[in-house]
C-alpha atoms as a PDB file:
ATOM      1  CA  MET A   1      -0.067   0.024   0.074  1.00  0.00           C
ATOM      2  CA  ARG A   2       0.986   3.484  -0.628  1.00  0.00           C
ATOM      3  CA  PRO A   3       1.740   5.991   2.158  1.00  0.00           C
ATOM      4  CA  ALA A   4      -1.073   8.159   2.770  1.00  0.00           C
ATOM      5  CA  ARG A   5      -0.345  11.644   0.986  1.00  0.00           C
ATOM      6  CA  PHE A   6      -0.948  14.223   3.694  1.00  0.00           C
ATOM      7  CA  ARG A   7      -2.439  17.964   2.098  1.00  0.00           C
ATOM      8  CA  PRO A   8      -0.510  21.023   3.460  1.00  0.00           C
ATOM      9  CA  LEU A   9      -3.010  23.089   5.356  1.00  0.00           C
ATOM     10  CA  PRO A  10      -4.601  25.885   2.979  1.00  0.00           C
ATOM     11  CA  SER A  11      -2.776  29.075   3.283  1.00  0.00           C
ATOM     12  CA  GLU A  12      -5.920  31.264   3.476  1.00  0.00           C
ATOM     13  CA  PRO A  13      -9.129  30.815   5.822  1.00  0.00           C
ATOM     14  CA  PRO A  14     -12.364  28.724   4.157  1.00  0.00           C
ATOM     15  CA  ALA A  15     -14.114  30.744   1.665  1.00  0.00           C
ATOM     16  CA  LEU A  16     -16.860  30.985   4.292  1.00  0.00           C
ATOM     17  CA  LEU A  17     -14.797  32.841   6.644  1.00  0.00           C
ATOM     18  CA  ARG A  18     -13.061  35.547   4.272  1.00  0.00           C
ATOM     19  CA  ARG A  19     -15.577  38.132   4.121  1.00  0.00           C
ATOM     20  CA  PRO A  20     -16.043  38.645   8.132  1.00  0.00           C
ATOM     21  CA  ILE A  21     -12.597  38.606   8.517  1.00  0.00           C
ATOM     22  CA  ARG A  22     -11.925  41.121   5.667  1.00  0.00           C
ATOM     23  CA  ILE A  23     -14.912  43.384   7.298  1.00  0.00           C
ATOM     24  CA  VAL A  24     -13.257  43.034  11.130  1.00  0.00           C
ATOM     25  CA  ALA A  25     -10.241  44.023   9.386  1.00  0.00           C
ATOM     26  CA  HIS A  26     -11.529  46.825   7.462  1.00  0.00           C
ATOM     27  CA  GLU A  27     -13.396  48.021  10.770  1.00  0.00           C
ATOM     28  CA  ILE A  28     -10.426  47.896  12.572  1.00  0.00           C
ATOM     29  CA  ARG A  29      -8.268  50.066  10.061  1.00  0.00           C
ATOM     30  CA  LEU A  30     -11.386  52.344   9.666  1.00  0.00           C
ATOM     31  CA  SER A  31     -11.376  52.908  13.824  1.00  0.00           C
ATOM     32  CA  PHE A  32      -7.773  53.544  13.880  1.00  0.00           C
ATOM     33  CA  LEU A  33      -7.817  56.279  11.151  1.00  0.00           C
ATOM     34  CA  PHE A  34     -10.681  58.095  13.527  1.00  0.00           C
ATOM     35  CA  ILE A  35      -8.533  57.747  16.780  1.00  0.00           C
ATOM     36  CA  ARG A  36      -4.635  58.158  15.115  1.00  0.00           C
ATOM     37  CA  ASN A  37      -4.453  61.582  16.287  1.00  0.00           C
ATOM     38  CA  ASP A  38      -5.355  60.528  19.560  1.00  0.00           C
ATOM     39  CA  VAL A  39      -3.501  57.087  20.649  1.00  0.00           C
ATOM     40  CA  TRP A  40      -1.200  59.090  22.802  1.00  0.00           C
ATOM     41  CA  THR A  41      -3.440  60.338  24.758  1.00  0.00           C
ATOM     42  CA  THR A  42      -6.194  57.225  25.688  1.00  0.00           C
ATOM     43  CA  VAL A  43      -4.635  54.049  24.593  1.00  0.00           C
ATOM     44  CA  ILE A  44      -0.845  53.772  25.013  1.00  0.00           C
ATOM     45  CA  PRO A  45      -1.031  55.897  28.564  1.00  0.00           C
ATOM     46  CA  ALA A  46      -4.186  54.471  29.899  1.00  0.00           C
ATOM     47  CA  SER A  47      -3.052  50.995  29.227  1.00  0.00           C
ATOM     48  CA  ALA A  48       0.307  51.594  30.779  1.00  0.00           C
ATOM     49  CA  PHE A  49      -1.467  52.466  33.538  1.00  0.00           C
ATOM     50  CA  VAL A  50      -3.442  49.503  33.893  1.00  0.00           C
ATOM     51  CA  LEU A  51      -0.012  47.760  33.829  1.00  0.00           C
ATOM     52  CA  ALA A  52       0.709  49.856  36.865  1.00  0.00           C
ATOM     53  CA  ALA A  53      -2.162  48.869  38.441  1.00  0.00           C
ATOM     54  CA  ALA A  54      -1.549  45.093  37.895  1.00  0.00           C
ATOM     55  CA  ARG A  55       2.347  45.427  39.181  1.00  0.00           C
ATOM     56  CA  TYR A  56       1.188  47.262  42.180  1.00  0.00           C
ATOM     57  CA  ALA A  57      -1.571  44.752  42.573  1.00  0.00           C
ATOM     58  CA  GLY A  58       0.844  41.997  42.298  1.00  0.00           C
ATOM     59  CA  SER A  59      -1.149  40.103  39.659  1.00  0.00           C
ATOM     60  CA  ALA A  60      -0.017  36.882  38.446  1.00  0.00           C
ATOM     61  CA  PRO A  61       1.219  36.924  34.813  1.00  0.00           C
ATOM     62  CA  VAL A  62      -1.955  35.359  32.997  1.00  0.00           C
ATOM     63  CA  ALA A  63      -4.036  38.222  35.268  1.00  0.00           C
ATOM     64  CA  VAL A  64      -1.701  40.860  34.055  1.00  0.00           C
ATOM     65  CA  LEU A  65      -2.204  39.947  30.231  1.00  0.00           C
ATOM     66  CA  VAL A  66      -6.292  39.679  30.480  1.00  0.00           C
ATOM     67  CA  ALA A  67      -5.784  43.418  32.388  1.00  0.00           C
ATOM     68  CA  PHE A  68      -3.985  44.602  29.365  1.00  0.00           C
ATOM     69  CA  VAL A  69      -5.804  43.042  26.592  1.00  0.00           C
ATOM     70  CA  GLN A  70      -9.105  44.167  28.544  1.00  0.00           C
ATOM     71  CA  GLY A  71      -7.725  47.856  29.114  1.00  0.00           C
ATOM     72  CA  ALA A  72      -6.593  48.290  25.284  1.00  0.00           C
ATOM     73  CA  LEU A  73      -9.992  47.080  23.929  1.00  0.00           C
ATOM     74  CA  TYR A  74     -11.796  49.324  26.641  1.00  0.00           C
ATOM     75  CA  PHE A  75      -9.641  52.283  25.746  1.00  0.00           C
ATOM     76  CA  TRP A  76      -9.886  51.908  22.101  1.00  0.00           C
ATOM     77  CA  LEU A  77     -13.776  52.533  22.545  1.00  0.00           C
ATOM     78  CA  PHE A  78     -13.187  55.157  24.852  1.00  0.00           C
ATOM     79  CA  ILE A  79     -11.751  57.165  22.527  1.00  0.00           C
ATOM     80  CA  TYR A  80     -13.514  56.138  19.595  1.00  0.00           C
ATOM     81  CA  GLY A  81     -16.833  56.909  20.693  1.00  0.00           C
ATOM     82  CA  PHE A  82     -15.141  60.386  21.041  1.00  0.00           C
ATOM     83  CA  THR A  83     -13.776  60.911  18.015  1.00  0.00           C
ATOM     84  CA  LEU A  84     -16.677  59.729  16.025  1.00  0.00           C
ATOM     85  CA  THR A  85     -18.940  62.249  18.019  1.00  0.00           C
ATOM     86  CA  ASN A  86     -16.186  65.095  17.259  1.00  0.00           C
ATOM     87  CA  GLN A  87     -15.816  64.585  13.871  1.00  0.00           C
ATOM     88  CA  LEU A  88     -19.287  64.039  12.688  1.00  0.00           C
ATOM     89  CA  PHE A  89     -20.399  67.492  14.501  1.00  0.00           C
ATOM     90  CA  GLY A  90     -17.166  68.834  13.507  1.00  0.00           C
ATOM     91  CA  ILE A  91     -16.877  68.605   9.941  1.00  0.00           C
ATOM     92  CA  GLU A  92     -16.914  71.984   8.555  1.00  0.00           C
ATOM     93  CA  GLU A  93     -14.081  72.821  11.277  1.00  0.00           C
ATOM     94  CA  ASP A  94     -12.178  69.848  10.346  1.00  0.00           C
ATOM     95  CA  ARG A  95     -11.758  71.163   6.538  1.00  0.00           C
ATOM     96  CA  ILE A  96      -9.849  74.276   8.210  1.00  0.00           C
ATOM     97  CA  ASN A  97      -7.920  72.426  10.823  1.00  0.00           C
ATOM     98  CA  LYS A  98      -7.848  68.768  10.108  1.00  0.00           C
ATOM     99  CA  PRO A  99      -8.632  67.967   6.290  1.00  0.00           C
ATOM    100  CA  HIS A 100      -6.891  64.296   6.932  1.00  0.00           C
ATOM    101  CA  ARG A 101      -9.832  63.030   9.265  1.00  0.00           C
ATOM    102  CA  PRO A 102     -11.829  60.219   7.528  1.00  0.00           C
ATOM    103  CA  LEU A 103     -14.887  62.285   6.918  1.00  0.00           C
ATOM    104  CA  VAL A 104     -13.792  65.162   5.434  1.00  0.00           C
ATOM    105  CA  SER A 105     -11.123  63.069   3.145  1.00  0.00           C
ATOM    106  CA  GLY A 106     -14.076  60.792   2.108  1.00  0.00           C
ATOM    107  CA  ARG A 107     -12.383  57.712   3.405  1.00  0.00           C
ATOM    108  CA  CYS A 108     -16.053  57.227   5.325  1.00  0.00           C
ATOM    109  CA  GLY A 109     -19.601  58.420   4.823  1.00  0.00           C
ATOM    110  CA  LEU A 110     -21.789  60.442   7.272  1.00  0.00           C
ATOM    111  CA  ARG A 111     -24.352  57.580   7.368  1.00  0.00           C
ATOM    112  CA  GLY A 112     -21.560  54.762   7.729  1.00  0.00           C
ATOM    113  CA  ALA A 113     -20.187  57.059  10.663  1.00  0.00           C
ATOM    114  CA  ARG A 114     -23.696  57.898  12.365  1.00  0.00           C
ATOM    115  CA  ILE A 115     -24.081  53.553  12.385  1.00  0.00           C
ATOM    116  CA  ARG A 116     -20.334  53.062  13.913  1.00  0.00           C
ATOM    117  CA  THR A 117     -21.725  55.747  16.600  1.00  0.00           C
ATOM    118  CA  ALA A 118     -25.085  54.072  17.452  1.00  0.00           C
ATOM    119  CA  VAL A 119     -23.014  51.153  17.638  1.00  0.00           C
ATOM    120  CA  VAL A 120     -20.201  52.277  20.127  1.00  0.00           C
ATOM    121  CA  LEU A 121     -22.709  54.498  22.303  1.00  0.00           C
ATOM    122  CA  VAL A 122     -24.101  51.120  23.484  1.00  0.00           C
ATOM    123  CA  ALA A 123     -21.233  48.889  23.077  1.00  0.00           C
ATOM    124  CA  PHE A 124     -18.726  51.168  25.073  1.00  0.00           C
ATOM    125  CA  PRO A 125     -20.814  51.126  28.537  1.00  0.00           C
ATOM    126  CA  LEU A 126     -21.713  47.677  28.071  1.00  0.00           C
ATOM    127  CA  THR A 127     -17.775  46.732  27.794  1.00  0.00           C
ATOM    128  CA  GLY A 128     -17.310  49.092  30.910  1.00  0.00           C
ATOM    129  CA  TRP A 129     -20.066  46.725  32.821  1.00  0.00           C
ATOM    130  CA  TRP A 130     -18.364  43.939  31.766  1.00  0.00           C
ATOM    131  CA  PHE A 131     -14.745  45.051  33.142  1.00  0.00           C
ATOM    132  CA  GLY A 132     -16.468  46.585  36.389  1.00  0.00           C
ATOM    133  CA  VAL A 133     -15.974  50.384  35.399  1.00  0.00           C
ATOM    134  CA  ALA A 134     -19.335  51.130  34.048  1.00  0.00           C
ATOM    135  CA  HIS A 135     -19.546  54.473  36.290  1.00  0.00           C
ATOM    136  CA  TRP A 136     -16.433  55.549  34.594  1.00  0.00           C
ATOM    137  CA  ALA A 137     -17.869  54.671  31.446  1.00  0.00           C
ATOM    138  CA  LEU A 138     -21.123  56.705  31.578  1.00  0.00           C
ATOM    139  CA  LEU A 139     -19.707  59.332  33.024  1.00  0.00           C
ATOM    140  CA  TRP A 140     -16.903  59.230  29.866  1.00  0.00           C
ATOM    141  CA  GLU A 141     -20.031  59.274  27.633  1.00  0.00           C
ATOM    142  CA  VAL A 142     -22.027  62.104  29.020  1.00  0.00           C
ATOM    143  CA  VAL A 143     -19.479  64.249  28.834  1.00  0.00           C
ATOM    144  CA  PHE A 144     -18.334  63.350  25.785  1.00  0.00           C
ATOM    145  CA  LEU A 145     -21.692  63.850  24.036  1.00  0.00           C
ATOM    146  CA  LEU A 146     -22.207  67.474  26.097  1.00  0.00           C
ATOM    147  CA  ASN A 147     -18.904  68.457  24.547  1.00  0.00           C
ATOM    148  CA  ASN A 148     -19.162  67.068  20.879  1.00  0.00           C
ATOM    149  CA  VAL A 149     -22.785  67.169  20.321  1.00  0.00           C
ATOM    150  CA  ALA A 150     -24.477  69.480  22.724  1.00  0.00           C
ATOM    151  CA  ARG A 151     -21.350  71.976  22.110  1.00  0.00           C
ATOM    152  CA  TRP A 152     -20.988  73.312  25.157  1.00  0.00           C
ATOM    153  CA  GLU A 153     -17.012  73.129  24.626  1.00  0.00           C
ATOM    154  CA  ARG A 154     -17.859  76.959  22.850  1.00  0.00           C
ATOM    155  CA  HIS A 155     -16.305  78.267  26.134  1.00  0.00           C
ATOM    156  CA  TRP A 156     -12.912  77.501  27.028  1.00  0.00           C
ATOM    157  CA  ILE A 157     -14.001  76.901  30.545  1.00  0.00           C
ATOM    158  CA  LEU A 158     -16.237  74.114  29.996  1.00  0.00           C
ATOM    159  CA  LYS A 159     -13.990  72.792  27.048  1.00  0.00           C
ATOM    160  CA  ASP A 160     -11.599  72.500  29.268  1.00  0.00           C
ATOM    161  CA  LEU A 161     -13.329  71.227  32.237  1.00  0.00           C
ATOM    162  CA  PHE A 162     -14.355  68.423  30.212  1.00  0.00           C
ATOM    163  CA  ILE A 163     -11.038  67.160  29.385  1.00  0.00           C
ATOM    164  CA  GLY A 164      -9.780  67.417  32.600  1.00  0.00           C
ATOM    165  CA  ILE A 165     -12.956  64.976  33.528  1.00  0.00           C
ATOM    166  CA  GLY A 166     -12.312  62.854  31.064  1.00  0.00           C
ATOM    167  CA  VAL A 167      -8.768  62.147  32.001  1.00  0.00           C
ATOM    168  CA  LEU A 168     -10.086  61.684  35.795  1.00  0.00           C
ATOM    169  CA  ALA A 169     -12.683  58.849  34.144  1.00  0.00           C
ATOM    170  CA  GLN A 170     -10.132  57.320  32.108  1.00  0.00           C
ATOM    171  CA  LEU A 171      -7.102  56.916  34.736  1.00  0.00           C
ATOM    172  CA  ALA A 172      -9.830  55.633  37.554  1.00  0.00           C
ATOM    173  CA  ALA A 173     -11.096  53.291  35.233  1.00  0.00           C
ATOM    174  CA  ALA A 174      -7.720  52.068  33.910  1.00  0.00           C
ATOM    175  CA  TRP A 175      -6.983  51.089  37.423  1.00  0.00           C
ATOM    176  CA  GLU A 176     -10.366  49.801  38.720  1.00  0.00           C
ATOM    177  CA  ILE A 177     -10.183  47.384  35.748  1.00  0.00           C
ATOM    178  CA  VAL A 178      -7.246  45.440  38.051  1.00  0.00           C
ATOM    179  CA  ALA A 179      -8.049  46.721  41.888  1.00  0.00           C
ATOM    180  CA  PRO A 180     -10.436  49.064  43.837  1.00  0.00           C
ATOM    181  CA  MET A 181      -8.908  53.041  44.342  1.00  0.00           C
ATOM    182  CA  ASN A 182      -6.785  53.648  47.425  1.00  0.00           C
ATOM    183  CA  ALA A 183      -5.219  56.896  48.346  1.00  0.00           C
ATOM    184  CA  LEU A 184      -1.951  56.155  45.856  1.00  0.00           C
ATOM    185  CA  SER A 185      -4.020  55.979  42.618  1.00  0.00           C
ATOM    186  CA  TRP A 186      -6.389  58.899  43.542  1.00  0.00           C
ATOM    187  CA  ARG A 187      -2.692  60.800  43.957  1.00  0.00           C
ATOM    188  CA  TRP A 188      -2.009  59.877  40.642  1.00  0.00           C
ATOM    189  CA  VAL A 189      -5.199  60.334  38.936  1.00  0.00           C
ATOM    190  CA  GLY A 190      -5.633  63.222  40.960  1.00  0.00           C
ATOM    191  CA  THR A 191      -2.318  64.722  39.930  1.00  0.00           C
ATOM    192  CA  LEU A 192      -2.715  64.244  36.018  1.00  0.00           C
ATOM    193  CA  ALA A 193      -5.723  65.528  36.000  1.00  0.00           C
ATOM    194  CA  VAL A 194      -5.497  68.773  37.017  1.00  0.00           C
ATOM    195  CA  ALA A 195      -2.092  68.628  35.146  1.00  0.00           C
ATOM    196  CA  VAL A 196      -4.056  67.837  31.944  1.00  0.00           C
ATOM    197  CA  LEU A 197      -6.861  70.567  32.500  1.00  0.00           C
ATOM    198  CA  ALA A 198      -4.327  73.270  33.444  1.00  0.00           C
ATOM    199  CA  LEU A 199      -2.252  72.803  30.367  1.00  0.00           C
ATOM    200  CA  ILE A 200      -4.424  71.599  27.654  1.00  0.00           C
ATOM    201  CA  PRO A 201      -4.894  74.965  26.207  1.00  0.00           C
ATOM    202  CA  ILE A 202      -1.674  74.080  24.432  1.00  0.00           C
ATOM    203  CA  GLN A 203      -3.462  72.482  21.844  1.00  0.00           C
ATOM    204  CA  ASP A 204      -5.737  75.774  20.867  1.00  0.00           C
ATOM    205  CA  LEU A 205      -2.621  77.335  19.798  1.00  0.00           C
ATOM    206  CA  ARG A 206      -2.734  75.283  16.460  1.00  0.00           C
ATOM    207  CA  ASP A 207      -6.410  75.359  15.931  1.00  0.00           C
ATOM    208  CA  ILE A 208      -7.036  79.039  15.948  1.00  0.00           C
ATOM    209  CA  ASP A 209      -8.454  79.906  12.167  1.00  0.00           C
ATOM    210  CA  GLY A 210     -10.876  76.712  12.722  1.00  0.00           C
ATOM    211  CA  ASP A 211     -11.841  78.078  16.610  1.00  0.00           C
ATOM    212  CA  ARG A 212     -12.789  80.952  15.101  1.00  0.00           C
ATOM    213  CA  ALA A 213     -14.860  79.841  12.100  1.00  0.00           C
ATOM    214  CA  VAL A 214     -17.028  78.084  14.325  1.00  0.00           C
ATOM    215  CA  GLY A 215     -17.455  80.652  17.252  1.00  0.00           C
ATOM    216  CA  ARG A 216     -15.447  78.890  19.484  1.00  0.00           C
ATOM    217  CA  ARG A 217     -14.119  80.903  22.396  1.00  0.00           C
ATOM    218  CA  THR A 218     -10.693  79.058  23.526  1.00  0.00           C
ATOM    219  CA  LEU A 219      -8.304  80.314  25.886  1.00  0.00           C
ATOM    220  CA  VAL A 220      -5.872  81.785  23.252  1.00  0.00           C
ATOM    221  CA  ILE A 221      -9.097  83.534  21.728  1.00  0.00           C
ATOM    222  CA  ALA A 222      -9.823  85.231  24.924  1.00  0.00           C
ATOM    223  CA  PHE A 223      -6.809  86.395  26.143  1.00  0.00           C
ATOM    224  CA  GLY A 224      -4.558  86.212  23.134  1.00  0.00           C
ATOM    225  CA  GLN A 225      -1.419  84.358  22.063  1.00  0.00           C
ATOM    226  CA  ARG A 226       1.150  86.227  23.996  1.00  0.00           C
ATOM    227  CA  THR A 227      -0.854  85.774  27.312  1.00  0.00           C
ATOM    228  CA  THR A 228      -1.586  82.251  26.722  1.00  0.00           C
ATOM    229  CA  ARG A 229       2.215  81.221  25.781  1.00  0.00           C
ATOM    230  CA  TYR A 230       3.732  82.497  28.883  1.00  0.00           C
ATOM    231  CA  TYR A 231       0.817  81.023  30.768  1.00  0.00           C
ATOM    232  CA  LEU A 232       1.518  77.716  29.283  1.00  0.00           C
ATOM    233  CA  ALA A 233       5.309  78.148  29.747  1.00  0.00           C
ATOM    234  CA  THR A 234       4.836  78.815  33.715  1.00  0.00           C
ATOM    235  CA  GLY A 235       2.806  75.576  33.611  1.00  0.00           C
ATOM    236  CA  PHE A 236       5.407  73.343  32.012  1.00  0.00           C
ATOM    237  CA  LEU A 237       7.954  74.770  34.216  1.00  0.00           C
ATOM    238  CA  LEU A 238       6.229  73.573  37.382  1.00  0.00           C
ATOM    239  CA  LEU A 239       5.044  70.775  36.040  1.00  0.00           C
ATOM    240  CA  PRO A 240       7.933  68.680  36.812  1.00  0.00           C
ATOM    241  CA  VAL A 241       7.939  69.778  40.445  1.00  0.00           C
ATOM    242  CA  ALA A 242       4.719  68.654  40.556  1.00  0.00           C
ATOM    243  CA  VAL A 243       5.478  65.517  39.384  1.00  0.00           C
ATOM    244  CA  HIS A 244       8.777  65.049  41.751  1.00  0.00           C
ATOM    245  CA  LEU A 245       6.538  66.126  44.961  1.00  0.00           C
ATOM    246  CA  LEU A 246       2.921  64.560  44.412  1.00  0.00           C
ATOM    247  CA  LEU A 247       4.442  61.488  42.375  1.00  0.00           C
ATOM    248  CA  MET A 248       8.306  60.706  42.206  1.00  0.00           C
ATOM    249  CA  SER A 249       8.987  61.569  45.742  1.00  0.00           C
ATOM    250  CA  PRO A 250       6.964  59.269  47.665  1.00  0.00           C
ATOM    251  CA  SER A 251       7.990  56.060  45.388  1.00  0.00           C
ATOM    252  CA  ARG A 252      10.639  54.291  47.086  1.00  0.00           C
ATOM    253  CA  SER A 253      11.916  53.150  43.401  1.00  0.00           C
ATOM    254  CA  PRO A 254      15.617  53.936  42.862  1.00  0.00           C
ATOM    255  CA  VAL A 255      14.671  54.586  39.170  1.00  0.00           C
ATOM    256  CA  ALA A 256      12.436  57.490  39.981  1.00  0.00           C
ATOM    257  CA  PRO A 257      14.876  60.338  40.146  1.00  0.00           C
ATOM    258  CA  VAL A 258      15.775  58.806  36.628  1.00  0.00           C
ATOM    259  CA  TRP A 259      11.795  59.581  35.800  1.00  0.00           C
ATOM    260  CA  ASP A 260      12.115  62.857  37.487  1.00  0.00           C
ATOM    261  CA  VAL A 261      15.317  64.047  34.859  1.00  0.00           C
ATOM    262  CA  VAL A 262      13.446  62.789  31.817  1.00  0.00           C
ATOM    263  CA  VAL A 263       9.742  64.178  32.881  1.00  0.00           C
ATOM    264  CA  ALA A 264      11.740  67.432  33.506  1.00  0.00           C
ATOM    265  CA  ALA A 265      13.655  67.710  30.346  1.00  0.00           C
ATOM    266  CA  THR A 266      10.531  66.884  27.855  1.00  0.00           C
ATOM    267  CA  SER A 267       8.433  69.549  30.109  1.00  0.00           C
ATOM    268  CA  TRP A 268      11.072  72.335  29.752  1.00  0.00           C
ATOM    269  CA  TRP A 269      11.446  71.427  26.135  1.00  0.00           C
ATOM    270  CA  ILE A 270       8.195  72.352  25.806  1.00  0.00           C
ATOM    271  CA  VAL A 271       8.387  75.718  27.746  1.00  0.00           C
ATOM    272  CA  ALA A 272      11.307  76.511  25.009  1.00  0.00           C
ATOM    273  CA  ARG A 273       9.310  75.919  22.116  1.00  0.00           C
ATOM    274  CA  VAL A 274       6.216  77.446  23.196  1.00  0.00           C
ATOM    275  CA  ILE A 275       7.903  80.628  23.719  1.00  0.00           C
ATOM    276  CA  THR A 276      10.228  80.824  20.594  1.00  0.00           C
ATOM    277  CA  ARG A 277       8.527  78.665  18.310  1.00  0.00           C
ATOM    278  CA  ARG A 278       5.288  79.680  17.115  1.00  0.00           C
ATOM    279  CA  SER A 279       4.555  78.557  13.518  1.00  0.00           C
ATOM    280  CA  ARG A 280       1.384  76.099  13.205  1.00  0.00           C
ATOM    281  CA  ALA A 281       3.562  73.416  12.628  1.00  0.00           C
ATOM    282  CA  ASP A 282       5.586  74.183  15.461  1.00  0.00           C
ATOM    283  CA  ASP A 283       2.544  74.281  17.798  1.00  0.00           C
ATOM    284  CA  ARG A 284       1.371  70.921  16.550  1.00  0.00           C
ATOM    285  CA  ARG A 285       4.660  69.227  17.523  1.00  0.00           C
ATOM    286  CA  SER A 286       4.335  70.746  20.807  1.00  0.00           C
ATOM    287  CA  GLN A 287       1.290  69.194  21.569  1.00  0.00           C
ATOM    288  CA  ARG A 288       2.530  66.217  20.397  1.00  0.00           C
ATOM    289  CA  LEU A 289       5.209  66.504  23.186  1.00  0.00           C
ATOM    290  CA  PHE A 290       3.097  67.232  25.760  1.00  0.00           C
ATOM    291  CA  GLU A 291       0.807  64.159  24.824  1.00  0.00           C
ATOM    292  CA  GLN A 292       3.933  61.966  25.259  1.00  0.00           C
ATOM    293  CA  LEU A 293       4.980  63.602  28.049  1.00  0.00           C
ATOM    294  CA  TYR A 294       2.015  62.289  29.476  1.00  0.00           C
ATOM    295  CA  THR A 295       2.262  58.834  28.197  1.00  0.00           C
ATOM    296  CA  LEU A 296       5.859  59.081  29.703  1.00  0.00           C
ATOM    297  CA  VAL A 297       4.872  59.874  33.274  1.00  0.00           C
ATOM    298  CA  LEU A 298       1.896  56.813  33.177  1.00  0.00           C
ATOM    299  CA  LEU A 299       4.923  54.616  31.757  1.00  0.00           C
ATOM    300  CA  SER A 300       7.205  55.683  34.572  1.00  0.00           C
ATOM    301  CA  ALA A 301       4.260  54.486  37.180  1.00  0.00           C
ATOM    302  CA  ILE A 302       4.904  50.815  36.079  1.00  0.00           C
ATOM    303  CA  VAL A 303       8.500  50.886  37.560  1.00  0.00           C
ATOM    304  CA  VAL A 304       7.952  53.136  40.502  1.00  0.00           C
ATOM    305  CA  LEU A 305       4.696  52.147  41.999  1.00  0.00           C
END
């Protein structure tokens, strides 16, 4: 008898699965196009804080991996719902400030964006309920609907306040995916929420034309570029002091001083840029540095807590 011949495994999935796989892959790619400018402020730093909470709680490796995956999914939906509503109700502004966005560039139609928004508005709080953080999910959803749909962000006080509340809801949820909040986690969450609330007007420096076109009164428009730049420079000058006193100094980690140096160098670099580099492209880069600084501080939590 001849030996049986073994057929090689197919290189592609069965035809029945190809369409669902293509649909899922398309949705992931499209969602990334909506959120790509905000990954540094949500998915990456918040997932890092999940890991910090897991390490602090002494979770087993498998539990750490599960928590990380949960956090990545939750924070993807966290920012996806925000960006969908923000872009649906800000198309005219985006034509001026951000013409690369999916709705303006034609990569996604209005009907498709509305359907995805409805799905995410349901899926996000359900995911929060599944992971035990439904209260933070609902708080964030209310905030971004007031901000983007009700357009309460027309005045800089509410606009900046909503972002501060968003940071609180984000980081508290990141910790509670793993463990209950305690005095230590509240100190980290509170410090970063206040810091972002105070310094978030840096994002308005690059969007002045679009904000004026839609009647939004940001801090820059209300008080002028000169005053706003000196205000921000003062804030970034003091930020490393606050991070040291409130976050790094209480830590017994031997690497905490290294993070102090990294935070100070990055923050003071932003000070120099805000004062001396004033083009729209420069302001965009300065904002990105702030987002990366936020991520650096939360990455430090993994090793200093």
